N, C-alpha and C. Protein backbone atom coordinates (compact mmCIF):
# COMPACT_ATOMS: atom_id res chain seq x y z
N MET A 1 0.85 -1.17 0.00
CA MET A 1 0.00 0.00 0.00
C MET A 1 0.90 1.25 0.00
N LEU A 2 0.52 2.23 -0.76
CA LEU A 2 1.26 3.49 -0.84
C LEU A 2 0.97 4.34 0.40
N GLU A 3 2.02 4.81 1.01
CA GLU A 3 1.88 5.75 2.12
C GLU A 3 2.59 7.03 1.74
N LEU A 4 1.93 8.15 1.90
CA LEU A 4 2.47 9.45 1.54
C LEU A 4 2.54 10.30 2.79
N ILE A 5 3.71 10.83 3.08
CA ILE A 5 3.89 11.72 4.23
C ILE A 5 4.21 13.10 3.69
N LEU A 6 3.38 14.08 4.01
CA LEU A 6 3.58 15.45 3.55
C LEU A 6 4.18 16.28 4.67
N VAL A 7 5.24 17.02 4.34
CA VAL A 7 5.91 17.87 5.31
C VAL A 7 6.13 19.23 4.68
N ARG A 8 5.75 20.27 5.38
CA ARG A 8 6.01 21.63 4.90
C ARG A 8 7.43 22.01 5.33
N HIS A 9 8.06 22.86 4.56
CA HIS A 9 9.40 23.32 4.89
C HIS A 9 9.41 24.02 6.24
N GLY A 10 10.57 24.10 6.84
CA GLY A 10 10.74 24.80 8.11
C GLY A 10 10.64 26.31 7.92
N GLU A 11 10.67 27.00 9.04
CA GLU A 11 10.49 28.45 9.06
C GLU A 11 11.65 29.20 8.38
N THR A 12 11.30 30.30 7.74
CA THR A 12 12.27 31.24 7.17
C THR A 12 12.00 32.62 7.77
N ASP A 13 12.93 33.52 7.59
CA ASP A 13 12.70 34.89 8.07
C ASP A 13 11.54 35.56 7.33
N SER A 14 11.35 35.19 6.07
CA SER A 14 10.21 35.73 5.32
C SER A 14 8.89 35.28 5.93
N ASN A 15 8.84 34.03 6.44
CA ASN A 15 7.64 33.55 7.13
C ASN A 15 7.35 34.38 8.36
N ILE A 16 8.38 34.73 9.11
CA ILE A 16 8.21 35.53 10.34
C ILE A 16 7.60 36.89 9.98
N ARG A 17 8.07 37.49 8.89
CA ARG A 17 7.56 38.80 8.46
C ARG A 17 6.16 38.72 7.89
N GLY A 18 5.68 37.50 7.58
CA GLY A 18 4.37 37.36 6.97
C GLY A 18 4.37 37.71 5.49
N ALA A 19 5.52 37.56 4.86
CA ALA A 19 5.67 37.93 3.46
C ALA A 19 5.13 36.85 2.53
N TYR A 20 4.66 37.27 1.37
CA TYR A 20 4.29 36.35 0.31
C TYR A 20 5.58 35.82 -0.29
N CYS A 21 5.83 34.55 -0.10
CA CYS A 21 7.12 33.99 -0.47
C CYS A 21 6.91 32.80 -1.40
N GLY A 22 6.84 33.06 -2.67
CA GLY A 22 6.68 32.00 -3.66
C GLY A 22 8.02 31.59 -4.23
N TRP A 23 8.48 32.34 -5.23
CA TRP A 23 9.76 32.01 -5.86
C TRP A 23 10.93 32.69 -5.17
N THR A 24 10.67 33.61 -4.26
CA THR A 24 11.75 34.16 -3.45
C THR A 24 12.38 32.97 -2.75
N ASP A 25 13.69 32.95 -2.61
CA ASP A 25 14.36 31.73 -2.18
C ASP A 25 15.14 31.88 -0.87
N PRO A 26 14.46 32.26 0.22
CA PRO A 26 15.19 32.35 1.49
C PRO A 26 15.51 30.96 2.03
N ASP A 27 16.57 30.91 2.78
CA ASP A 27 16.94 29.63 3.42
C ASP A 27 16.23 29.52 4.75
N LEU A 28 16.31 28.36 5.34
CA LEU A 28 15.76 28.15 6.68
C LEU A 28 16.49 29.01 7.69
N ASN A 29 15.78 29.49 8.69
CA ASN A 29 16.46 30.14 9.81
C ASN A 29 16.73 29.06 10.87
N SER A 30 17.28 29.43 12.00
CA SER A 30 17.65 28.41 13.01
C SER A 30 16.42 27.66 13.53
N LYS A 31 15.30 28.35 13.67
CA LYS A 31 14.08 27.67 14.12
C LYS A 31 13.62 26.68 13.05
N GLY A 32 13.71 27.07 11.79
CA GLY A 32 13.33 26.17 10.69
C GLY A 32 14.19 24.92 10.64
N MET A 33 15.49 25.06 10.91
CA MET A 33 16.37 23.89 10.94
C MET A 33 15.99 22.98 12.11
N ALA A 34 15.66 23.58 13.26
CA ALA A 34 15.24 22.79 14.42
C ALA A 34 13.92 22.08 14.13
N GLN A 35 13.00 22.75 13.44
CA GLN A 35 11.73 22.13 13.09
C GLN A 35 11.96 20.91 12.20
N ALA A 36 12.85 21.04 11.21
CA ALA A 36 13.16 19.92 10.32
C ALA A 36 13.79 18.78 11.09
N GLN A 37 14.65 19.11 12.05
CA GLN A 37 15.28 18.08 12.86
C GLN A 37 14.24 17.32 13.70
N ARG A 38 13.25 18.04 14.22
CA ARG A 38 12.18 17.37 14.98
C ARG A 38 11.38 16.41 14.09
N VAL A 39 11.13 16.83 12.85
CA VAL A 39 10.44 15.94 11.92
C VAL A 39 11.30 14.70 11.66
N ALA A 40 12.59 14.91 11.48
CA ALA A 40 13.50 13.77 11.25
C ALA A 40 13.42 12.78 12.41
N GLU A 41 13.38 13.29 13.62
CA GLU A 41 13.27 12.42 14.79
C GLU A 41 11.94 11.68 14.80
N MET A 42 10.87 12.35 14.40
CA MET A 42 9.55 11.72 14.36
C MET A 42 9.49 10.60 13.31
N LEU A 43 10.28 10.74 12.25
CA LEU A 43 10.24 9.77 11.16
C LEU A 43 11.27 8.65 11.29
N LYS A 44 12.01 8.63 12.39
CA LYS A 44 12.95 7.54 12.61
C LYS A 44 12.20 6.22 12.51
N GLY A 45 12.80 5.28 11.84
CA GLY A 45 12.17 3.98 11.68
C GLY A 45 11.37 3.86 10.38
N GLU A 46 11.06 4.98 9.75
CA GLU A 46 10.39 4.93 8.46
C GLU A 46 11.40 4.50 7.39
N LYS A 47 10.92 3.91 6.34
CA LYS A 47 11.79 3.46 5.24
C LYS A 47 11.27 4.02 3.92
N PRO A 48 11.38 5.33 3.72
CA PRO A 48 10.86 5.91 2.47
C PRO A 48 11.70 5.49 1.26
N ASP A 49 11.02 5.30 0.14
CA ASP A 49 11.72 4.99 -1.10
C ASP A 49 12.39 6.24 -1.67
N ALA A 50 11.78 7.38 -1.43
CA ALA A 50 12.30 8.64 -1.95
C ALA A 50 11.68 9.80 -1.18
N ILE A 51 12.35 10.93 -1.26
CA ILE A 51 11.80 12.19 -0.77
C ILE A 51 11.70 13.11 -1.98
N TYR A 52 10.52 13.65 -2.20
CA TYR A 52 10.30 14.60 -3.29
C TYR A 52 10.31 16.01 -2.71
N SER A 53 11.02 16.89 -3.37
CA SER A 53 11.17 18.25 -2.86
C SER A 53 11.11 19.26 -3.99
N SER A 54 10.61 20.43 -3.64
CA SER A 54 10.74 21.59 -4.51
C SER A 54 12.24 21.90 -4.65
N CYS A 55 12.57 22.66 -5.66
CA CYS A 55 13.97 23.06 -5.89
C CYS A 55 14.41 24.23 -5.00
N LEU A 56 13.47 24.85 -4.31
CA LEU A 56 13.78 26.02 -3.49
C LEU A 56 14.54 25.61 -2.24
N LYS A 57 15.48 26.47 -1.82
CA LYS A 57 16.37 26.15 -0.68
C LYS A 57 15.61 25.74 0.57
N ARG A 58 14.55 26.45 0.90
CA ARG A 58 13.85 26.15 2.14
C ARG A 58 13.29 24.74 2.15
N ALA A 59 12.80 24.27 1.01
CA ALA A 59 12.26 22.91 0.92
C ALA A 59 13.38 21.89 0.80
N PHE A 60 14.37 22.17 -0.04
CA PHE A 60 15.46 21.21 -0.23
C PHE A 60 16.25 21.02 1.06
N ASN A 61 16.55 22.11 1.77
CA ASN A 61 17.32 21.96 3.01
C ASN A 61 16.51 21.28 4.11
N THR A 62 15.20 21.48 4.12
CA THR A 62 14.35 20.72 5.03
C THR A 62 14.46 19.23 4.69
N SER A 63 14.43 18.90 3.41
CA SER A 63 14.55 17.51 2.96
C SER A 63 15.89 16.91 3.35
N LEU A 64 16.96 17.69 3.20
CA LEU A 64 18.29 17.19 3.56
C LEU A 64 18.36 16.82 5.03
N ILE A 65 17.84 17.68 5.88
CA ILE A 65 17.85 17.42 7.32
C ILE A 65 17.03 16.18 7.65
N ILE A 66 15.86 16.06 7.06
CA ILE A 66 14.98 14.92 7.32
C ILE A 66 15.60 13.63 6.80
N SER A 67 16.29 13.68 5.68
CA SER A 67 16.79 12.46 5.04
C SER A 67 17.97 11.82 5.77
N LYS A 68 18.68 12.58 6.61
CA LYS A 68 19.83 12.00 7.33
C LYS A 68 19.35 10.84 8.18
N GLY A 69 19.98 9.70 8.02
CA GLY A 69 19.59 8.53 8.77
C GLY A 69 18.56 7.68 8.05
N LEU A 70 17.78 8.30 7.17
CA LEU A 70 16.78 7.54 6.39
C LEU A 70 17.38 7.08 5.07
N ASN A 71 18.31 7.87 4.55
CA ASN A 71 19.06 7.58 3.32
C ASN A 71 18.25 7.36 2.05
N PRO A 72 17.12 8.01 1.88
CA PRO A 72 16.43 7.88 0.60
C PRO A 72 17.00 8.87 -0.42
N GLU A 73 16.71 8.64 -1.66
CA GLU A 73 17.09 9.59 -2.69
C GLU A 73 16.17 10.81 -2.58
N ILE A 74 16.74 12.01 -2.71
CA ILE A 74 15.94 13.23 -2.74
C ILE A 74 15.76 13.62 -4.22
N LEU A 75 14.51 13.63 -4.63
CA LEU A 75 14.18 13.94 -6.02
C LEU A 75 13.62 15.36 -6.08
N LEU A 76 14.35 16.23 -6.78
CA LEU A 76 13.91 17.62 -6.93
C LEU A 76 12.97 17.74 -8.13
N ASP A 77 11.89 18.47 -7.92
CA ASP A 77 10.91 18.63 -8.99
C ASP A 77 10.37 20.06 -8.94
N GLU A 78 10.67 20.82 -9.97
CA GLU A 78 10.25 22.23 -9.98
C GLU A 78 8.73 22.37 -10.00
N ARG A 79 8.00 21.33 -10.34
CA ARG A 79 6.54 21.40 -10.29
C ARG A 79 6.03 21.51 -8.86
N LEU A 80 6.91 21.24 -7.89
CA LEU A 80 6.55 21.38 -6.48
C LEU A 80 6.87 22.78 -5.95
N ASN A 81 7.52 23.61 -6.77
CA ASN A 81 7.81 24.98 -6.36
C ASN A 81 6.51 25.72 -6.12
N GLU A 82 6.57 26.68 -5.24
CA GLU A 82 5.36 27.44 -4.92
C GLU A 82 5.01 28.40 -6.05
N GLN A 83 3.84 28.96 -5.94
CA GLN A 83 3.33 29.93 -6.91
C GLN A 83 4.20 31.19 -6.89
N ASN A 84 4.41 31.77 -8.04
CA ASN A 84 5.13 33.04 -8.15
C ASN A 84 4.13 34.17 -7.89
N PHE A 85 4.42 35.02 -6.91
CA PHE A 85 3.53 36.13 -6.59
C PHE A 85 3.88 37.41 -7.35
N GLY A 86 4.79 37.32 -8.30
CA GLY A 86 5.13 38.47 -9.14
C GLY A 86 5.61 39.66 -8.33
N GLU A 87 4.99 40.82 -8.56
CA GLU A 87 5.40 42.06 -7.86
C GLU A 87 5.18 41.97 -6.36
N TRP A 88 4.38 41.03 -5.91
CA TRP A 88 4.11 40.89 -4.48
C TRP A 88 5.15 40.01 -3.77
N GLU A 89 6.07 39.43 -4.53
CA GLU A 89 7.07 38.54 -3.95
C GLU A 89 7.81 39.20 -2.79
N ASP A 90 7.87 38.49 -1.69
CA ASP A 90 8.60 38.87 -0.47
C ASP A 90 8.10 40.18 0.15
N LEU A 91 6.84 40.53 -0.16
CA LEU A 91 6.22 41.70 0.47
C LEU A 91 5.12 41.22 1.43
N THR A 92 4.90 41.99 2.48
CA THR A 92 3.81 41.68 3.40
C THR A 92 2.52 42.28 2.87
N TYR A 93 1.40 41.89 3.47
CA TYR A 93 0.12 42.44 3.06
C TYR A 93 0.11 43.96 3.20
N CYS A 94 0.66 44.48 4.30
CA CYS A 94 0.71 45.94 4.50
C CYS A 94 1.52 46.62 3.41
N GLU A 95 2.66 46.03 3.06
CA GLU A 95 3.51 46.61 2.01
C GLU A 95 2.79 46.60 0.67
N ILE A 96 2.05 45.55 0.39
CA ILE A 96 1.30 45.47 -0.87
C ILE A 96 0.19 46.52 -0.88
N SER A 97 -0.49 46.68 0.25
CA SER A 97 -1.59 47.63 0.34
C SER A 97 -1.14 49.08 0.12
N GLU A 98 0.09 49.37 0.53
CA GLU A 98 0.61 50.72 0.35
C GLU A 98 0.83 50.99 -1.12
């Protein structure tokens, strides 16, 4: 039977600001790395065939942290990248409203 485990990337500084972050490519902050490590600990004992990840740093680095000890192949797929917000990229709602 197929089992699918979905994990969102860890926190970035853009997330803290409440910014629209689609194709903007911030890396994980320290809290985001810790969040990914907690997920890795929760998944100990799992035997995934692969990890699929967006090409963006926040998702890929979350995948790298989770994959340690599990040793699956990480498959990057740009179709998993988030939506591009165009001129709204990395802006907060207040900044967009102005």
